[in-house]
Amino acid sequence: MRNVCLISLALALSGCAIQRDVTFVYYPDPPHSNTFPPISQFEADAQKECARYGLVAVHEWDNWTSYQRVRSHWRCVQP
C-alpha cells in the first residue's frame, strides 16, 4: 500500500496524471474583427500549447454558449 501511495504521489507531482486541454472562447461576429485572431489560428495556438508538454492537440468539440459565443475545445494527447 505504501508503494502505491508513493507512485501516485510521484505521478501527481510530475504532472503525468493531469489531463491537459486547451479551450478558446470567441464571438463569430466580433465588433472589431481586425483585433481578434482568425479561427484558423486556434489550431496553431493549441498545437503550440500542447507541444510544451510533448503532446499533440486534437480538436474535440465546439458548442454555442450564451450571447452567441462559441467555445472550441482541444485535448492534448500523446503523439
N, C-alpha and C. Protein backbone atom coordinates (compact mmCIF):
# COMPACT_ATOMS: atom_id res chain seq x y z
N MET A 1 0.83 -1.19 0.00
CA MET A 1 0.00 0.00 0.00
C MET A 1 0.88 1.26 0.00
N ARG A 2 1.96 1.17 0.70
CA ARG A 2 2.86 2.32 0.77
C ARG A 2 3.45 2.63 -0.61
N ASN A 3 3.80 1.58 -1.36
CA ASN A 3 4.35 1.79 -2.70
C ASN A 3 3.34 2.44 -3.64
N VAL A 4 2.08 2.04 -3.53
CA VAL A 4 1.04 2.62 -4.37
C VAL A 4 0.90 4.11 -4.07
N CYS A 5 0.93 4.47 -2.81
CA CYS A 5 0.82 5.88 -2.43
C CYS A 5 2.01 6.69 -2.95
N LEU A 6 3.21 6.12 -2.85
CA LEU A 6 4.40 6.82 -3.31
C LEU A 6 4.39 7.00 -4.83
N ILE A 7 3.95 5.97 -5.55
CA ILE A 7 3.90 6.07 -7.01
C ILE A 7 2.86 7.09 -7.45
N SER A 8 1.68 7.08 -6.85
CA SER A 8 0.65 8.05 -7.24
C SER A 8 1.05 9.46 -6.85
N LEU A 9 1.75 9.63 -5.75
CA LEU A 9 2.24 10.95 -5.37
C LEU A 9 3.29 11.44 -6.37
N ALA A 10 4.16 10.55 -6.80
CA ALA A 10 5.18 10.92 -7.79
C ALA A 10 4.54 11.30 -9.12
N LEU A 11 3.51 10.56 -9.55
CA LEU A 11 2.82 10.89 -10.79
C LEU A 11 2.10 12.24 -10.70
N ALA A 12 1.47 12.49 -9.58
CA ALA A 12 0.75 13.75 -9.41
C ALA A 12 1.70 14.94 -9.40
N LEU A 13 2.84 14.79 -8.76
CA LEU A 13 3.80 15.88 -8.70
C LEU A 13 4.51 16.11 -10.03
N SER A 14 4.68 15.06 -10.81
CA SER A 14 5.37 15.20 -12.09
C SER A 14 4.46 15.72 -13.19
N GLY A 15 3.17 15.70 -12.98
CA GLY A 15 2.24 16.19 -13.98
C GLY A 15 1.78 15.12 -14.95
N CYS A 16 2.22 13.89 -14.79
CA CYS A 16 1.83 12.83 -15.71
C CYS A 16 0.38 12.40 -15.50
N ALA A 17 -0.15 12.62 -14.34
CA ALA A 17 -1.51 12.19 -14.05
C ALA A 17 -2.54 13.27 -14.37
N ILE A 18 -2.11 14.40 -14.89
CA ILE A 18 -3.01 15.52 -15.15
C ILE A 18 -3.40 15.53 -16.62
N GLN A 19 -4.69 15.63 -16.87
CA GLN A 19 -5.18 15.76 -18.24
C GLN A 19 -4.98 17.19 -18.70
N ARG A 20 -4.49 17.37 -19.91
CA ARG A 20 -4.25 18.72 -20.42
C ARG A 20 -5.20 18.98 -21.58
N ASP A 21 -5.75 20.18 -21.62
CA ASP A 21 -6.59 20.59 -22.73
C ASP A 21 -6.53 22.10 -22.89
N VAL A 22 -6.98 22.56 -24.06
CA VAL A 22 -6.97 23.98 -24.40
C VAL A 22 -8.38 24.34 -24.87
N THR A 23 -8.92 25.44 -24.37
CA THR A 23 -10.26 25.89 -24.76
C THR A 23 -10.19 27.35 -25.20
N PHE A 24 -10.81 27.64 -26.34
CA PHE A 24 -10.91 29.01 -26.84
C PHE A 24 -12.37 29.42 -26.80
N VAL A 25 -12.64 30.63 -26.35
CA VAL A 25 -13.97 31.20 -26.39
C VAL A 25 -13.91 32.42 -27.31
N TYR A 26 -14.78 32.45 -28.31
CA TYR A 26 -14.74 33.55 -29.26
C TYR A 26 -16.15 33.90 -29.72
N TYR A 27 -16.28 35.06 -30.31
CA TYR A 27 -17.51 35.53 -30.92
C TYR A 27 -17.38 35.42 -32.43
N PRO A 28 -18.31 34.76 -33.11
CA PRO A 28 -18.19 34.62 -34.57
C PRO A 28 -18.20 35.97 -35.29
N ASP A 29 -18.93 36.95 -34.77
CA ASP A 29 -19.00 38.27 -35.39
C ASP A 29 -18.52 39.32 -34.39
N PRO A 30 -17.21 39.40 -34.15
CA PRO A 30 -16.72 40.37 -33.16
C PRO A 30 -16.91 41.80 -33.67
N PRO A 31 -17.04 42.75 -32.76
CA PRO A 31 -17.24 44.14 -33.19
C PRO A 31 -16.02 44.71 -33.93
N HIS A 32 -14.84 44.33 -33.54
CA HIS A 32 -13.61 44.82 -34.19
C HIS A 32 -12.86 43.61 -34.73
N SER A 33 -13.18 43.19 -35.92
CA SER A 33 -12.64 41.95 -36.48
C SER A 33 -11.13 41.97 -36.63
N ASN A 34 -10.52 43.13 -36.78
CA ASN A 34 -9.08 43.18 -37.01
C ASN A 34 -8.27 42.99 -35.72
N THR A 35 -8.90 43.05 -34.55
CA THR A 35 -8.16 42.88 -33.30
C THR A 35 -8.21 41.45 -32.77
N PHE A 36 -9.07 40.60 -33.33
CA PHE A 36 -9.19 39.22 -32.88
C PHE A 36 -8.44 38.30 -33.83
N PRO A 37 -7.81 37.25 -33.31
CA PRO A 37 -7.13 36.31 -34.22
C PRO A 37 -8.17 35.52 -35.03
N PRO A 38 -7.83 35.10 -36.23
CA PRO A 38 -8.77 34.30 -37.02
C PRO A 38 -8.95 32.92 -36.39
N ILE A 39 -10.07 32.30 -36.69
CA ILE A 39 -10.36 30.97 -36.13
C ILE A 39 -9.31 29.96 -36.56
N SER A 40 -8.75 30.13 -37.74
CA SER A 40 -7.72 29.20 -38.22
C SER A 40 -6.47 29.25 -37.35
N GLN A 41 -6.28 30.32 -36.61
CA GLN A 41 -5.11 30.46 -35.74
C GLN A 41 -5.25 29.61 -34.47
N PHE A 42 -6.48 29.21 -34.12
CA PHE A 42 -6.70 28.44 -32.90
C PHE A 42 -5.95 27.11 -32.93
N GLU A 43 -5.95 26.44 -34.07
CA GLU A 43 -5.26 25.15 -34.16
C GLU A 43 -3.76 25.33 -33.93
N ALA A 44 -3.17 26.35 -34.51
CA ALA A 44 -1.74 26.59 -34.33
C ALA A 44 -1.42 26.91 -32.88
N ASP A 45 -2.27 27.71 -32.24
CA ASP A 45 -2.05 28.04 -30.83
C ASP A 45 -2.22 26.82 -29.94
N ALA A 46 -3.21 25.98 -30.23
CA ALA A 46 -3.42 24.77 -29.44
C ALA A 46 -2.25 23.81 -29.62
N GLN A 47 -1.74 23.66 -30.85
CA GLN A 47 -0.59 22.79 -31.09
C GLN A 47 0.64 23.30 -30.33
N LYS A 48 0.83 24.61 -30.34
CA LYS A 48 1.98 25.19 -29.65
C LYS A 48 1.88 24.99 -28.14
N GLU A 49 0.68 25.16 -27.59
CA GLU A 49 0.49 24.98 -26.15
C GLU A 49 0.71 23.53 -25.73
N CYS A 50 0.18 22.58 -26.51
CA CYS A 50 0.35 21.16 -26.18
C CYS A 50 1.79 20.70 -26.40
N ALA A 51 2.48 21.30 -27.36
CA ALA A 51 3.87 20.91 -27.65
C ALA A 51 4.78 21.23 -26.46
N ARG A 52 4.39 22.17 -25.62
CA ARG A 52 5.19 22.48 -24.44
C ARG A 52 5.33 21.26 -23.53
N TYR A 53 4.37 20.34 -23.60
CA TYR A 53 4.37 19.14 -22.77
C TYR A 53 4.67 17.89 -23.57
N GLY A 54 5.09 18.05 -24.82
CA GLY A 54 5.41 16.90 -25.66
C GLY A 54 4.17 16.19 -26.17
N LEU A 55 3.05 16.91 -26.30
CA LEU A 55 1.79 16.33 -26.73
C LEU A 55 1.32 16.97 -28.03
N VAL A 56 0.26 16.41 -28.60
CA VAL A 56 -0.33 16.91 -29.85
C VAL A 56 -1.78 17.29 -29.57
N ALA A 57 -2.24 18.40 -30.13
CA ALA A 57 -3.62 18.85 -29.92
C ALA A 57 -4.56 18.17 -30.91
N VAL A 58 -5.70 17.70 -30.38
CA VAL A 58 -6.75 17.08 -31.19
C VAL A 58 -8.04 17.83 -30.91
N HIS A 59 -8.71 18.29 -31.97
CA HIS A 59 -9.97 19.03 -31.80
C HIS A 59 -11.05 18.08 -31.33
N GLU A 60 -11.72 18.44 -30.23
CA GLU A 60 -12.77 17.58 -29.69
C GLU A 60 -14.17 18.05 -30.04
N TRP A 61 -14.51 19.29 -29.72
CA TRP A 61 -15.86 19.76 -29.96
C TRP A 61 -15.93 21.29 -29.93
N ASP A 62 -17.00 21.80 -30.52
CA ASP A 62 -17.37 23.21 -30.45
C ASP A 62 -18.79 23.26 -29.92
N ASN A 63 -19.12 24.29 -29.17
CA ASN A 63 -20.51 24.48 -28.77
C ASN A 63 -20.81 25.96 -28.66
N TRP A 64 -22.08 26.26 -28.85
CA TRP A 64 -22.56 27.63 -28.74
C TRP A 64 -22.98 27.89 -27.31
N THR A 65 -22.52 28.97 -26.74
CA THR A 65 -22.90 29.33 -25.39
C THR A 65 -23.80 30.56 -25.44
N SER A 66 -24.09 31.11 -24.31
CA SER A 66 -24.95 32.30 -24.27
C SER A 66 -24.27 33.48 -24.96
N TYR A 67 -25.07 34.42 -25.39
CA TYR A 67 -24.60 35.65 -26.06
C TYR A 67 -23.83 35.36 -27.34
N GLN A 68 -24.19 34.29 -28.04
CA GLN A 68 -23.61 33.94 -29.34
C GLN A 68 -22.11 33.70 -29.27
N ARG A 69 -21.63 33.22 -28.16
CA ARG A 69 -20.20 32.85 -28.06
C ARG A 69 -20.04 31.41 -28.51
N VAL A 70 -18.88 31.10 -29.04
CA VAL A 70 -18.54 29.74 -29.43
C VAL A 70 -17.35 29.29 -28.60
N ARG A 71 -17.43 28.08 -28.06
CA ARG A 71 -16.33 27.52 -27.28
C ARG A 71 -15.75 26.35 -28.06
N SER A 72 -14.46 26.43 -28.36
CA SER A 72 -13.76 25.40 -29.11
C SER A 72 -12.80 24.69 -28.15
N HIS A 73 -12.92 23.36 -28.08
CA HIS A 73 -12.16 22.59 -27.10
C HIS A 73 -11.16 21.66 -27.81
N TRP A 74 -9.92 21.69 -27.37
CA TRP A 74 -8.84 20.88 -27.92
C TRP A 74 -8.23 20.06 -26.79
N ARG A 75 -8.02 18.76 -26.98
CA ARG A 75 -7.42 17.89 -25.98
C ARG A 75 -5.99 17.56 -26.39
N CYS A 76 -5.09 17.59 -25.42
CA CYS A 76 -3.68 17.23 -25.67
C CYS A 76 -3.51 15.73 -25.45
N VAL A 77 -3.00 15.04 -26.48
CA VAL A 77 -2.82 13.59 -26.41
C VAL A 77 -1.38 13.23 -26.78
N GLN A 78 -1.00 12.01 -26.48
CA GLN A 78 0.33 11.52 -26.84
C GLN A 78 0.42 11.39 -28.36
N PRO A 79 1.56 11.76 -28.96
CA PRO A 79 1.69 11.63 -30.42
C PRO A 79 1.79 10.20 -30.88
